[in-house]
C-alpha atoms as a PDB file:
ATOM      1  CA  MET A   1       8.932   1.441 -14.396  1.00  0.00           C
ATOM      2  CA  LEU A   2       6.461  -0.397 -12.204  1.00  0.00           C
ATOM      3  CA  THR A   3       3.161   1.382 -11.610  1.00  0.00           C
ATOM      4  CA  CYS A   4       0.447  -0.238  -9.510  1.00  0.00           C
ATOM      5  CA  THR A   5      -2.199   0.508  -6.912  1.00  0.00           C
ATOM      6  CA  TYR A   6      -2.389  -0.826  -3.384  1.00  0.00           C
ATOM      7  CA  ILE A   7      -4.950  -0.792  -0.607  1.00  0.00           C
ATOM      8  CA  VAL A   8      -3.798  -0.346   2.988  1.00  0.00           C
ATOM      9  CA  GLU A   9      -5.041  -3.597   4.506  1.00  0.00           C
ATOM     10  CA  ARG A  10      -3.897  -2.870   8.047  1.00  0.00           C
ATOM     11  CA  ILE A  11      -1.532  -0.679  10.027  1.00  0.00           C
ATOM     12  CA  ASP A  12       0.709  -2.370  12.556  1.00  0.00           C
ATOM     13  CA  GLY A  13       2.879   0.082  14.479  1.00  0.00           C
ATOM     14  CA  ASP A  14       5.565   1.497  12.203  1.00  0.00           C
ATOM     15  CA  TYR A  15       4.510  -0.685   9.268  1.00  0.00           C
ATOM     16  CA  ALA A  16       1.543  -0.921   6.935  1.00  0.00           C
ATOM     17  CA  MET A  17       0.403  -4.059   5.161  1.00  0.00           C
ATOM     18  CA  LEU A  18      -0.454  -3.308   1.526  1.00  0.00           C
ATOM     19  CA  LYS A  19      -2.425  -5.497  -0.857  1.00  0.00           C
ATOM     20  CA  ARG A  20      -2.123  -4.993  -4.607  1.00  0.00           C
ATOM     21  CA  GLU A  21      -5.487  -4.302  -6.212  1.00  0.00           C
ATOM     22  CA  ASP A  22      -4.770  -6.418  -9.274  1.00  0.00           C
ATOM     23  CA  GLU A  23      -3.854  -9.528  -7.239  1.00  0.00           C
ATOM     24  CA  THR A  24      -6.831 -11.882  -7.233  1.00  0.00           C
ATOM     25  CA  GLU A  25      -5.352 -14.870  -5.433  1.00  0.00           C
ATOM     26  CA  GLU A  26      -6.045 -15.015  -1.711  1.00  0.00           C
ATOM     27  CA  LYS A  27      -2.745 -16.815  -1.041  1.00  0.00           C
ATOM     28  CA  VAL A  28      -0.707 -13.714  -1.927  1.00  0.00           C
ATOM     29  CA  GLU A  29       0.897 -12.247   1.185  1.00  0.00           C
ATOM     30  CA  PRO A  30       0.415  -8.503   1.787  1.00  0.00           C
ATOM     31  CA  LYS A  31       3.477  -6.321   1.255  1.00  0.00           C
ATOM     32  CA  MET A  32       4.953  -4.871   4.458  1.00  0.00           C
ATOM     33  CA  VAL A  33       6.086  -1.257   4.007  1.00  0.00           C
ATOM     34  CA  ALA A  34       7.547   1.108   6.598  1.00  0.00           C
ATOM     35  CA  ARG A  35       5.111   3.932   7.341  1.00  0.00           C
ATOM     36  CA  ALA A  36       7.962   6.419   6.945  1.00  0.00           C
ATOM     37  CA  LEU A  37       7.811   5.684   3.189  1.00  0.00           C
ATOM     38  CA  LEU A  38       4.061   6.317   2.990  1.00  0.00           C
ATOM     39  CA  PRO A  39       2.023   9.534   3.162  1.00  0.00           C
ATOM     40  CA  PRO A  40       1.315  10.383   6.836  1.00  0.00           C
ATOM     41  CA  GLU A  41      -2.474  10.667   6.211  1.00  0.00           C
ATOM     42  CA  ILE A  42      -2.995   6.969   5.399  1.00  0.00           C
ATOM     43  CA  ARG A  43      -5.659   4.936   7.174  1.00  0.00           C
ATOM     44  CA  GLU A  44      -6.849   1.370   6.703  1.00  0.00           C
ATOM     45  CA  GLY A  45      -8.661   1.203   3.379  1.00  0.00           C
ATOM     46  CA  THR A  46      -6.678   4.042   1.770  1.00  0.00           C
ATOM     47  CA  ARG A  47      -5.815   3.510  -1.914  1.00  0.00           C
ATOM     48  CA  LEU A  48      -2.203   4.226  -2.858  1.00  0.00           C
ATOM     49  CA  LEU A  49      -0.511   4.637  -6.203  1.00  0.00           C
ATOM     50  CA  TYR A  50       3.066   3.351  -6.414  1.00  0.00           C
ATOM     51  CA  GLU A  51       4.972   5.116  -9.173  1.00  0.00           C
ATOM     52  CA  TYR A  52       8.604   6.217  -9.552  1.00  0.00           C
ATOM     53  CA  LEU A  53       9.507   4.654  -6.191  1.00  0.00           C
ATOM     54  CA  GLN A  54       6.939   6.808  -4.336  1.00  0.00           C
ATOM     55  CA  TYR A  55       3.520   6.181  -2.830  1.00  0.00           C
ATOM     56  CA  THR A  56       0.745   8.758  -3.255  1.00  0.00           C
ATOM     57  CA  ILE A  57      -2.873   8.674  -2.114  1.00  0.00           C
ATOM     58  CA  VAL A  58      -5.462   8.022  -4.822  1.00  0.00           C
ATOM     59  CA  GLU A  59      -8.839   9.694  -4.265  1.00  0.00           C
END
């Protein structure tokens, strides 16, 4: 099962652009995810853990 961490790069309406923390290349496009799939408390800069097809906030 895929487990990784993301940072909310920006919020654009009903979508959030997520950047994987372990991606070092600048050419990698951010992942667009519907905000309905994310915790409602997210803000730009929030760290998220993706595990078992769910996103949770990492303190």
